[in-house]
Amino acid sequence: MKDKLIMLRPGFFSGSEGPFYCGDSVAVEGLLGFFPQLRNEVEVEYIDAPRPRMAIVELIGEANQSAPVLVLGAGRAPVDDGVEIHVHGQTRFIDSPDHIRRYLSSQYGVAHPAS
C-alpha cells in the first residue's frame, strides 16, 4: 500500500463566510508542485472541510481529523528519525505539515528545505 496524503479541498465555506483554503495544506501542496513526481509515489486525496471528515475518521479515528495528514503505507518506515509518527490501532500517521514535508523529502529523495 502506498502512503496516503489527505488534504482539504480549497474554496470551502464556513457558514456564509469564505471561500477559504487551508494554509497547512497549501504548504504541502507547494512541495507537490515543486516535485510532481511525488504524486506518483503517494496517493493524494482531497476532501471537503466540514467535520466529520469520514475519509480520515475511517483510517485514524474521530479524534484525528486534522488535515493535512499522511497515513503511512503498510511496512513504510521513515528514513528520517526526526519525523514524528502517531499511531491509531495498527495505522501510523503524520499530522504535522512540517513533518509531512520532511518525510516526503527524505523518503522519496527530493530536495530538503533550507534552514
N, C-alpha and C. Protein backbone atom coordinates (compact mmCIF):
# COMPACT_ATOMS: atom_id res chain seq x y z
N MET A 1 0.84 -1.19 0.00
CA MET A 1 0.00 0.00 0.00
C MET A 1 0.88 1.25 0.00
N LYS A 2 0.51 2.21 -0.81
CA LYS A 2 1.22 3.49 -0.85
C LYS A 2 0.90 4.32 0.38
N ASP A 3 1.77 5.27 0.68
CA ASP A 3 1.43 6.29 1.66
C ASP A 3 0.25 7.06 1.09
N LYS A 4 -0.62 7.54 1.98
CA LYS A 4 -1.82 8.27 1.54
C LYS A 4 -1.84 9.65 2.19
N LEU A 5 -1.85 10.68 1.37
CA LEU A 5 -1.89 12.07 1.82
C LEU A 5 -3.30 12.59 1.64
N ILE A 6 -3.89 13.10 2.71
CA ILE A 6 -5.24 13.65 2.65
C ILE A 6 -5.16 15.14 2.98
N MET A 7 -5.71 15.95 2.08
CA MET A 7 -5.70 17.41 2.26
C MET A 7 -7.10 17.96 2.01
N LEU A 8 -7.33 19.16 2.55
CA LEU A 8 -8.63 19.83 2.36
C LEU A 8 -8.71 20.43 0.96
N ARG A 9 -9.85 20.22 0.34
CA ARG A 9 -10.12 20.82 -0.97
C ARG A 9 -10.26 22.33 -0.78
N PRO A 10 -9.57 23.13 -1.60
CA PRO A 10 -9.66 24.59 -1.44
C PRO A 10 -11.02 25.13 -1.87
N GLY A 11 -11.32 26.33 -1.38
CA GLY A 11 -12.56 27.01 -1.75
C GLY A 11 -13.74 26.65 -0.88
N PHE A 12 -13.47 26.21 0.36
CA PHE A 12 -14.58 25.82 1.24
C PHE A 12 -15.15 27.03 1.97
N PHE A 13 -16.36 26.87 2.47
CA PHE A 13 -17.07 27.92 3.20
C PHE A 13 -17.31 27.48 4.63
N SER A 14 -17.42 28.45 5.52
CA SER A 14 -17.82 28.22 6.90
C SER A 14 -19.05 29.07 7.12
N GLY A 15 -20.21 28.43 7.06
CA GLY A 15 -21.45 29.19 7.08
C GLY A 15 -21.53 30.04 5.83
N SER A 16 -21.73 31.34 6.02
CA SER A 16 -21.81 32.25 4.87
C SER A 16 -20.46 32.90 4.54
N GLU A 17 -19.42 32.54 5.29
CA GLU A 17 -18.10 33.14 5.07
C GLU A 17 -17.22 32.24 4.20
N GLY A 18 -16.41 32.89 3.40
CA GLY A 18 -15.49 32.15 2.55
C GLY A 18 -15.51 32.74 1.16
N PRO A 19 -14.89 32.14 0.24
CA PRO A 19 -14.23 30.84 0.32
C PRO A 19 -12.88 30.93 1.04
N PHE A 20 -12.49 29.77 1.61
CA PHE A 20 -11.24 29.66 2.35
C PHE A 20 -10.37 28.56 1.74
N TYR A 21 -9.10 28.59 2.12
CA TYR A 21 -8.21 27.47 1.85
C TYR A 21 -7.45 27.16 3.13
N CYS A 22 -6.94 25.96 3.23
CA CYS A 22 -6.17 25.53 4.39
C CYS A 22 -4.71 25.86 4.17
N GLY A 23 -4.16 26.77 4.99
CA GLY A 23 -2.77 27.17 4.87
C GLY A 23 -1.80 26.02 5.05
N ASP A 24 -2.13 25.09 5.93
CA ASP A 24 -1.25 23.93 6.13
C ASP A 24 -1.23 23.05 4.89
N SER A 25 -2.39 22.90 4.24
CA SER A 25 -2.44 22.12 3.00
C SER A 25 -1.68 22.82 1.88
N VAL A 26 -1.72 24.15 1.85
CA VAL A 26 -1.00 24.90 0.82
C VAL A 26 0.50 24.62 0.92
N ALA A 27 1.01 24.56 2.13
CA ALA A 27 2.45 24.31 2.31
C ALA A 27 2.84 22.94 1.75
N VAL A 28 2.02 21.93 1.97
CA VAL A 28 2.30 20.60 1.46
C VAL A 28 2.07 20.57 -0.05
N GLU A 29 1.02 21.23 -0.50
CA GLU A 29 0.72 21.31 -1.94
C GLU A 29 1.88 21.95 -2.69
N GLY A 30 2.54 22.92 -2.07
CA GLY A 30 3.70 23.56 -2.69
C GLY A 30 4.82 22.56 -2.95
N LEU A 31 5.07 21.66 -2.01
CA LEU A 31 6.09 20.64 -2.21
C LEU A 31 5.70 19.73 -3.38
N LEU A 32 4.42 19.36 -3.45
CA LEU A 32 3.95 18.53 -4.57
C LEU A 32 4.09 19.27 -5.90
N GLY A 33 3.91 20.59 -5.87
CA GLY A 33 4.08 21.38 -7.08
C GLY A 33 5.53 21.46 -7.53
N PHE A 34 6.45 21.59 -6.57
CA PHE A 34 7.87 21.63 -6.90
C PHE A 34 8.37 20.28 -7.41
N PHE A 35 7.83 19.20 -6.86
CA PHE A 35 8.28 17.85 -7.19
C PHE A 35 7.09 16.98 -7.56
N PRO A 36 6.54 17.18 -8.76
CA PRO A 36 5.32 16.47 -9.17
C PRO A 36 5.47 14.95 -9.19
N GLN A 37 6.69 14.44 -9.23
CA GLN A 37 6.89 13.00 -9.20
C GLN A 37 6.38 12.38 -7.89
N LEU A 38 6.24 13.20 -6.85
CA LEU A 38 5.70 12.69 -5.58
C LEU A 38 4.27 12.18 -5.75
N ARG A 39 3.52 12.76 -6.67
CA ARG A 39 2.14 12.32 -6.91
C ARG A 39 2.08 10.89 -7.45
N ASN A 40 3.18 10.41 -8.04
CA ASN A 40 3.24 9.02 -8.48
C ASN A 40 3.59 8.07 -7.35
N GLU A 41 4.21 8.61 -6.33
CA GLU A 41 4.66 7.80 -5.19
C GLU A 41 3.64 7.71 -4.07
N VAL A 42 2.84 8.76 -3.93
CA VAL A 42 1.91 8.89 -2.82
C VAL A 42 0.49 9.04 -3.37
N GLU A 43 -0.46 8.37 -2.75
CA GLU A 43 -1.86 8.57 -3.12
C GLU A 43 -2.32 9.88 -2.47
N VAL A 44 -2.84 10.80 -3.27
CA VAL A 44 -3.28 12.10 -2.77
C VAL A 44 -4.80 12.17 -2.90
N GLU A 45 -5.45 12.50 -1.80
CA GLU A 45 -6.91 12.63 -1.79
C GLU A 45 -7.28 13.98 -1.22
N TYR A 46 -8.19 14.67 -1.89
CA TYR A 46 -8.72 15.94 -1.41
C TYR A 46 -10.11 15.70 -0.87
N ILE A 47 -10.36 16.25 0.32
CA ILE A 47 -11.67 16.06 0.96
C ILE A 47 -12.27 17.41 1.30
N ASP A 48 -13.57 17.41 1.56
CA ASP A 48 -14.27 18.62 1.99
C ASP A 48 -13.93 18.91 3.45
N ALA A 49 -14.01 20.18 3.81
CA ALA A 49 -13.59 20.62 5.14
C ALA A 49 -14.53 20.27 6.29
N PRO A 50 -15.86 20.30 6.10
CA PRO A 50 -16.73 20.07 7.25
C PRO A 50 -16.47 18.72 7.95
N ARG A 51 -16.59 18.78 9.26
CA ARG A 51 -16.48 17.56 10.06
C ARG A 51 -17.85 16.94 10.24
N PRO A 52 -17.94 15.65 10.36
CA PRO A 52 -16.83 14.70 10.41
C PRO A 52 -16.23 14.48 9.03
N ARG A 53 -14.94 14.32 9.03
CA ARG A 53 -14.18 14.06 7.79
C ARG A 53 -14.00 12.54 7.70
N MET A 54 -15.01 11.91 7.17
CA MET A 54 -15.09 10.45 7.22
C MET A 54 -13.90 9.75 6.56
N ALA A 55 -13.34 10.33 5.52
CA ALA A 55 -12.18 9.70 4.87
C ALA A 55 -11.01 9.56 5.86
N ILE A 56 -10.91 10.52 6.77
CA ILE A 56 -9.86 10.47 7.79
C ILE A 56 -10.31 9.60 8.97
N VAL A 57 -11.54 9.79 9.41
CA VAL A 57 -12.07 9.04 10.56
C VAL A 57 -11.94 7.54 10.32
N GLU A 58 -12.26 7.09 9.11
CA GLU A 58 -12.20 5.66 8.80
C GLU A 58 -10.79 5.09 8.90
N LEU A 59 -9.79 5.93 8.71
CA LEU A 59 -8.40 5.47 8.75
C LEU A 59 -7.76 5.61 10.13
N ILE A 60 -7.99 6.76 10.78
CA ILE A 60 -7.24 7.03 12.02
C ILE A 60 -8.10 7.54 13.17
N GLY A 61 -9.40 7.41 13.06
CA GLY A 61 -10.27 7.71 14.19
C GLY A 61 -10.78 9.14 14.25
N GLU A 62 -11.87 9.29 14.96
CA GLU A 62 -12.58 10.57 15.07
C GLU A 62 -11.74 11.65 15.74
N ALA A 63 -10.86 11.27 16.63
CA ALA A 63 -10.04 12.25 17.36
C ALA A 63 -8.91 12.82 16.51
N ASN A 64 -8.70 12.27 15.33
CA ASN A 64 -7.55 12.67 14.50
C ASN A 64 -7.98 13.21 13.14
N GLN A 65 -8.88 14.18 13.12
CA GLN A 65 -9.46 14.68 11.87
C GLN A 65 -8.72 15.86 11.27
N SER A 66 -7.59 16.24 11.82
CA SER A 66 -6.85 17.37 11.26
C SER A 66 -6.34 17.04 9.86
N ALA A 67 -6.21 18.07 9.07
CA ALA A 67 -5.67 17.91 7.72
C ALA A 67 -4.68 19.05 7.50
N PRO A 68 -3.64 18.82 6.76
CA PRO A 68 -3.33 17.59 6.05
C PRO A 68 -2.86 16.50 7.00
N VAL A 69 -2.98 15.26 6.52
CA VAL A 69 -2.48 14.11 7.26
C VAL A 69 -1.92 13.12 6.25
N LEU A 70 -0.83 12.49 6.62
CA LEU A 70 -0.21 11.47 5.79
C LEU A 70 -0.30 10.15 6.53
N VAL A 71 -1.02 9.19 5.94
CA VAL A 71 -1.16 7.86 6.53
C VAL A 71 -0.10 6.99 5.86
N LEU A 72 0.76 6.40 6.67
CA LEU A 72 1.85 5.59 6.13
C LEU A 72 1.34 4.26 5.60
N GLY A 73 1.85 3.88 4.46
CA GLY A 73 1.52 2.59 3.88
C GLY A 73 2.09 1.47 4.75
N ALA A 74 1.51 0.29 4.61
CA ALA A 74 1.95 -0.87 5.38
C ALA A 74 3.44 -1.11 5.16
N GLY A 75 4.16 -1.27 6.25
CA GLY A 75 5.58 -1.55 6.18
C GLY A 75 6.47 -0.35 5.92
N ARG A 76 5.89 0.83 5.75
CA ARG A 76 6.69 2.03 5.49
C ARG A 76 7.29 2.52 6.80
N ALA A 77 8.56 2.86 6.79
CA ALA A 77 9.24 3.41 7.96
C ALA A 77 10.01 4.64 7.52
N PRO A 78 9.91 5.73 8.26
CA PRO A 78 10.64 6.95 7.88
C PRO A 78 12.14 6.72 7.89
N VAL A 79 12.82 7.25 6.89
CA VAL A 79 14.28 7.21 6.89
C VAL A 79 14.84 8.34 7.73
N ASP A 80 14.03 9.35 8.01
CA ASP A 80 14.41 10.49 8.84
C ASP A 80 13.88 10.24 10.25
N ASP A 81 14.78 9.98 11.20
CA ASP A 81 14.37 9.68 12.58
C ASP A 81 13.68 10.85 13.28
N GLY A 82 13.80 12.06 12.72
CA GLY A 82 13.19 13.23 13.35
C GLY A 82 11.72 13.42 13.02
N VAL A 83 11.17 12.58 12.16
CA VAL A 83 9.76 12.70 11.78
C VAL A 83 8.90 12.07 12.87
N GLU A 84 7.96 12.85 13.39
CA GLU A 84 7.09 12.38 14.47
C GLU A 84 5.93 11.57 13.90
N ILE A 85 5.82 10.32 14.34
CA ILE A 85 4.79 9.40 13.88
C ILE A 85 3.80 9.17 15.02
N HIS A 86 2.50 9.20 14.68
CA HIS A 86 1.43 8.87 15.63
C HIS A 86 0.83 7.54 15.23
N VAL A 87 0.15 6.89 16.15
CA VAL A 87 -0.43 5.58 15.88
C VAL A 87 -1.89 5.56 16.33
N HIS A 88 -2.73 4.99 15.48
CA HIS A 88 -4.13 4.71 15.82
C HIS A 88 -4.37 3.25 15.46
N GLY A 89 -4.52 2.41 16.47
CA GLY A 89 -4.62 0.97 16.22
C GLY A 89 -3.32 0.50 15.58
N GLN A 90 -3.41 -0.07 14.39
CA GLN A 90 -2.23 -0.52 13.66
C GLN A 90 -1.78 0.48 12.60
N THR A 91 -2.47 1.62 12.52
CA THR A 91 -2.21 2.61 11.46
C THR A 91 -1.31 3.72 11.99
N ARG A 92 -0.24 3.99 11.24
CA ARG A 92 0.70 5.05 11.60
C ARG A 92 0.45 6.25 10.70
N PHE A 93 0.57 7.45 11.28
CA PHE A 93 0.29 8.66 10.50
C PHE A 93 1.11 9.84 11.00
N ILE A 94 1.21 10.84 10.12
CA ILE A 94 1.91 12.09 10.41
C ILE A 94 0.90 13.21 10.22
N ASP A 95 0.73 14.06 11.24
CA ASP A 95 -0.27 15.12 11.13
C ASP A 95 0.30 16.53 11.22
N SER A 96 1.60 16.66 11.22
CA SER A 96 2.24 17.97 11.21
C SER A 96 2.67 18.29 9.78
N PRO A 97 2.23 19.44 9.23
CA PRO A 97 2.65 19.79 7.86
C PRO A 97 4.16 19.80 7.69
N ASP A 98 4.89 20.30 8.68
CA ASP A 98 6.35 20.33 8.59
C ASP A 98 6.92 18.91 8.53
N HIS A 99 6.38 18.02 9.33
CA HIS A 99 6.86 16.64 9.36
C HIS A 99 6.43 15.87 8.12
N ILE A 100 5.25 16.21 7.58
CA ILE A 100 4.82 15.60 6.32
C ILE A 100 5.80 15.97 5.22
N ARG A 101 6.15 17.25 5.12
CA ARG A 101 7.10 17.69 4.10
C ARG A 101 8.47 17.06 4.32
N ARG A 102 8.88 17.00 5.55
CA ARG A 102 10.18 16.39 5.88
C ARG A 102 10.20 14.91 5.50
N TYR A 103 9.12 14.21 5.80
CA TYR A 103 9.01 12.79 5.44
C TYR A 103 9.05 12.62 3.92
N LEU A 104 8.23 13.37 3.20
CA LEU A 104 8.19 13.24 1.74
C LEU A 104 9.55 13.55 1.12
N SER A 105 10.22 14.58 1.62
CA SER A 105 11.53 14.94 1.08
C SER A 105 12.55 13.83 1.28
N SER A 106 12.61 13.29 2.49
CA SER A 106 13.62 12.27 2.78
C SER A 106 13.22 10.91 2.22
N GLN A 107 11.97 10.57 2.30
CA GLN A 107 11.51 9.24 1.89
C GLN A 107 11.62 9.04 0.39
N TYR A 108 11.36 10.10 -0.36
CA TYR A 108 11.28 9.97 -1.81
C TYR A 108 12.42 10.70 -2.54
N GLY A 109 13.42 11.13 -1.78
CA GLY A 109 14.65 11.64 -2.38
C GLY A 109 14.55 12.94 -3.13
N VAL A 110 13.66 13.83 -2.67
CA VAL A 110 13.60 15.17 -3.27
C VAL A 110 14.33 16.13 -2.35
N ALA A 111 14.50 17.35 -2.79
CA ALA A 111 15.24 18.36 -2.04
C ALA A 111 14.65 18.59 -0.65
N HIS A 112 15.50 18.98 0.26
CA HIS A 112 15.11 19.30 1.63
C HIS A 112 14.99 20.81 1.78
N PRO A 113 14.16 21.28 2.74
CA PRO A 113 14.06 22.72 2.95
C PRO A 113 15.37 23.29 3.48
N ALA A 114 15.66 24.51 3.07
CA ALA A 114 16.84 25.21 3.59
C ALA A 114 16.55 25.66 5.02
N SER A 115 17.56 25.66 5.84
CA SER A 115 17.37 26.07 7.25
C SER A 115 17.26 27.57 7.36
